[in-house]
Protein backbone atom coordinates (compact mmCIF):
# COMPACT_ATOMS: atom_id res chain seq x y z
CA MET A 1 145.36 144.98 93.69
CA LEU A 2 145.20 146.45 97.19
CA ARG A 3 145.46 150.19 97.50
CA SER A 4 146.82 152.04 100.52
CA ALA A 5 144.28 153.99 102.55
CA ALA A 6 144.71 156.54 105.32
CA ALA A 7 143.66 155.09 108.70
CA LEU A 8 140.90 157.51 109.75
CA PRO A 9 139.02 157.82 106.45
CA PHE A 10 139.23 154.07 105.84
CA VAL A 11 137.93 153.18 109.27
CA ALA A 12 135.15 155.73 109.02
CA ARG A 13 134.04 154.31 105.65
CA ALA A 14 134.19 150.73 106.98
CA ALA A 15 132.07 151.65 110.00
CA GLN A 16 129.47 153.38 107.85
CA ASP A 17 129.32 150.65 105.19
CA PRO A 18 125.85 148.99 105.38
CA SER A 19 127.46 145.60 104.71
CA HIS A 20 129.02 145.93 108.15
CA ASP A 21 125.57 146.00 109.78
CA ALA A 22 126.74 144.08 112.85
CA TRP A 23 129.07 146.93 113.75
CA HIS A 24 126.19 149.36 113.50
CA GLN A 25 123.91 147.14 115.56
CA ALA A 26 126.57 146.64 118.22
CA ALA A 27 126.91 150.39 118.64
CA THR A 28 123.20 151.13 119.01
CA PRO A 29 121.48 151.66 122.38
CA GLY A 30 120.59 148.39 124.10
CA ALA A 31 123.23 146.41 122.20
CA PRO A 32 126.59 145.38 123.64
CA SER A 33 128.74 148.36 124.59
CA PHE A 34 132.20 149.25 123.40
CA VAL A 35 133.90 148.77 126.76
CA GLY A 36 131.91 151.46 128.54
CA ILE A 37 131.97 154.06 125.77
CA ALA A 38 128.69 155.99 125.65
CA THR A 39 128.77 157.57 122.20
CA PRO A 40 126.97 160.68 121.11
CA VAL A 41 127.77 159.65 117.53
CA PRO A 42 124.83 159.83 115.08
CA ARG A 43 123.35 156.38 114.37
CA GLY A 44 125.85 154.95 116.91
CA LEU A 45 128.69 154.59 114.39
CA ILE A 46 132.17 154.03 115.76
CA GLY A 47 135.37 154.40 113.73
CA TYR A 48 138.48 152.36 114.47
CA ALA A 49 142.04 153.55 113.87
CA PHE A 50 144.64 150.83 114.45
CA ASN A 51 147.89 152.32 115.70
CA ALA A 52 150.86 150.10 114.71
CA ARG A 53 153.56 151.83 116.71
CA THR A 54 151.66 151.85 120.02
CA GLN A 55 149.73 148.58 119.36
CA ASP A 56 146.40 150.09 120.32
CA VAL A 57 143.10 151.14 118.74
CA THR A 58 141.64 154.64 118.75
CA LEU A 59 137.83 154.73 118.66
CA PHE A 60 136.40 157.87 117.12
CA ASP A 61 133.25 159.57 115.87
CA PRO A 62 133.56 159.21 112.05
CA THR A 63 131.40 162.29 111.48
CA THR A 64 133.50 164.72 113.50
CA ARG A 65 136.66 162.59 113.87
CA THR A 66 136.49 163.25 117.59
CA VAL A 67 138.48 160.72 119.61
CA LEU A 68 136.25 158.77 122.02
CA ALA A 69 138.87 156.48 123.57
CA THR A 70 142.08 154.54 122.95
CA ARG A 71 142.31 150.90 123.98
CA PRO A 72 145.38 148.64 124.12
CA LEU A 73 145.40 145.76 121.60
CA GLY A 74 148.82 144.14 121.89
CA ALA A 75 149.16 143.55 118.15
CA VAL A 76 150.49 145.49 115.18
CA VAL A 77 147.71 145.94 112.64
CA ARG A 78 149.49 147.05 109.50
CA TRP A 79 146.84 146.77 106.82
CA LEU A 80 143.09 146.74 106.44
CA SER A 81 141.50 147.83 103.20
CA ASN A 82 138.03 148.23 101.74
CA GLU A 83 139.22 145.96 98.92
CA GLN A 84 139.82 142.96 101.23
CA ARG A 85 137.30 140.82 103.04
CA PHE A 86 138.15 140.99 106.76
CA TRP A 87 134.75 140.91 108.56
CA ASP A 88 133.12 137.55 109.32
CA GLY A 89 130.05 138.91 111.13
CA GLN A 90 131.72 138.78 114.54
CA SER A 91 135.38 139.66 114.20
CA ILE A 92 137.80 141.83 112.26
CA TRP A 93 140.39 139.43 110.81
CA THR A 94 143.96 140.51 110.14
CA TYR A 95 147.49 139.28 110.82
CA ASP A 96 150.60 140.15 112.71
CA PHE A 97 154.00 138.53 113.20
CA PRO A 98 155.30 138.94 116.75
CA GLY A 99 158.74 137.43 117.14
CA ASP A 100 158.78 137.02 113.37
CA ARG A 101 156.11 134.26 113.50
CA VAL A 102 153.06 134.95 111.26
CA ARG A 103 149.63 134.46 112.78
CA ALA A 104 146.06 135.31 111.85
CA ILE A 105 144.23 137.28 114.51
CA ALA A 106 140.55 137.97 115.14
CA ILE A 107 139.67 141.25 116.84
CA ASP A 108 136.39 141.54 118.72
CA PRO A 109 135.19 145.07 117.86
CA ARG A 110 132.91 145.24 120.93
CA GLU A 111 135.63 144.39 123.44
CA VAL A 112 138.42 145.90 121.32
CA ALA A 113 140.58 142.87 122.01
CA ILE A 114 142.12 139.90 120.25
CA SER A 115 139.63 137.04 120.53
CA ARG A 116 141.64 134.45 118.60
CA ALA A 117 145.24 134.05 117.43
CA LEU A 118 145.92 131.29 114.86
CA PRO A 119 149.57 130.47 114.13
CA THR A 120 150.60 129.73 110.55
CA GLY A 121 153.84 128.04 111.55
CA GLY A 122 155.73 130.33 109.19
CA ALA A 123 158.27 133.12 109.44
CA GLY A 124 157.41 136.75 108.72
CA PRO A 125 156.92 139.19 107.50
CA ALA A 126 153.35 139.02 106.21
CA HIS A 127 151.48 141.62 104.20
CA SER A 128 147.82 140.68 103.96
CA LEU A 129 144.98 138.39 105.11
CA MET A 130 141.80 137.80 103.13
CA LEU A 131 138.71 135.81 104.09
CA THR A 132 137.06 133.64 101.43
CA PRO A 133 133.54 134.70 100.32
CA ASP A 134 131.95 132.11 102.65
CA VAL A 135 134.08 133.53 105.54
CA LYS A 136 135.10 130.03 106.61
CA THR A 137 138.72 130.24 105.50
CA ALA A 138 141.49 132.82 105.72
CA TRP A 139 144.41 133.16 103.36
CA VAL A 140 147.50 134.92 104.70
CA ASN A 141 150.81 135.39 102.98
CA VAL A 142 153.85 134.10 104.82
CA ALA A 143 156.62 136.03 103.05
CA GLY A 144 159.47 134.50 105.03
CA GLY A 145 158.32 131.03 103.92
CA ASP A 146 157.34 131.95 100.33
CA TYR A 147 153.79 130.61 100.59
CA LEU A 148 150.16 131.43 101.31
CA ALA A 149 148.77 129.74 104.46
CA VAL A 150 145.17 128.55 104.13
CA ILE A 151 143.52 128.51 107.55
CA ASP A 152 140.22 126.84 108.44
CA LEU A 153 138.64 129.31 110.85
CA ALA A 154 136.44 126.74 112.61
CA SER A 155 139.33 124.47 113.56
CA GLY A 156 142.03 127.12 113.62
CA GLU A 157 144.30 124.79 111.66
CA VAL A 158 146.43 125.52 108.59
CA THR A 159 144.89 123.22 105.96
CA ASP A 160 147.23 124.01 103.09
CA GLU A 161 150.36 125.92 102.14
CA ILE A 162 150.37 127.24 98.58
CA ALA A 163 153.90 127.88 97.27
CA THR A 164 154.20 131.30 95.68
CA GLY A 165 157.84 131.87 94.86
CA ALA A 166 160.07 134.44 96.48
CA PHE A 167 158.64 136.75 99.13
CA PRO A 168 154.87 136.96 98.35
């Protein structure tokens, strides 16, 4: 079961987690920059706080919780959790449902921008997205359609719809 987590502590833990090594590498000197942010953060760690109301991302030093910058995203990120698999080695995967249409979105953490948006064809709301262990497929609930959408990340296509019953 997913547990709720406060935005800043969650993001700081995710950025410091050794399994997210690509984030660490991307924030080190000589690696791709975070849109011009020169960080004094120890070991180059960057925390991400997704702001649903303003549809932007605040980048911060997870050690001091000092805000480094805020970047527009144009999506409402409602839920990321340490209990869910959302990192594929390049992107942070989550969902949103603009205009009540559920889609999976990939966020490039270096550019702090949506790099892909994959429609499910279903009505919102949605509550979660999880990548499979091989990070080739995403499962996202489509509560307005009473199913889970199975999305092949390579093709961007919905490959299956698993009926769940009322409002998963």
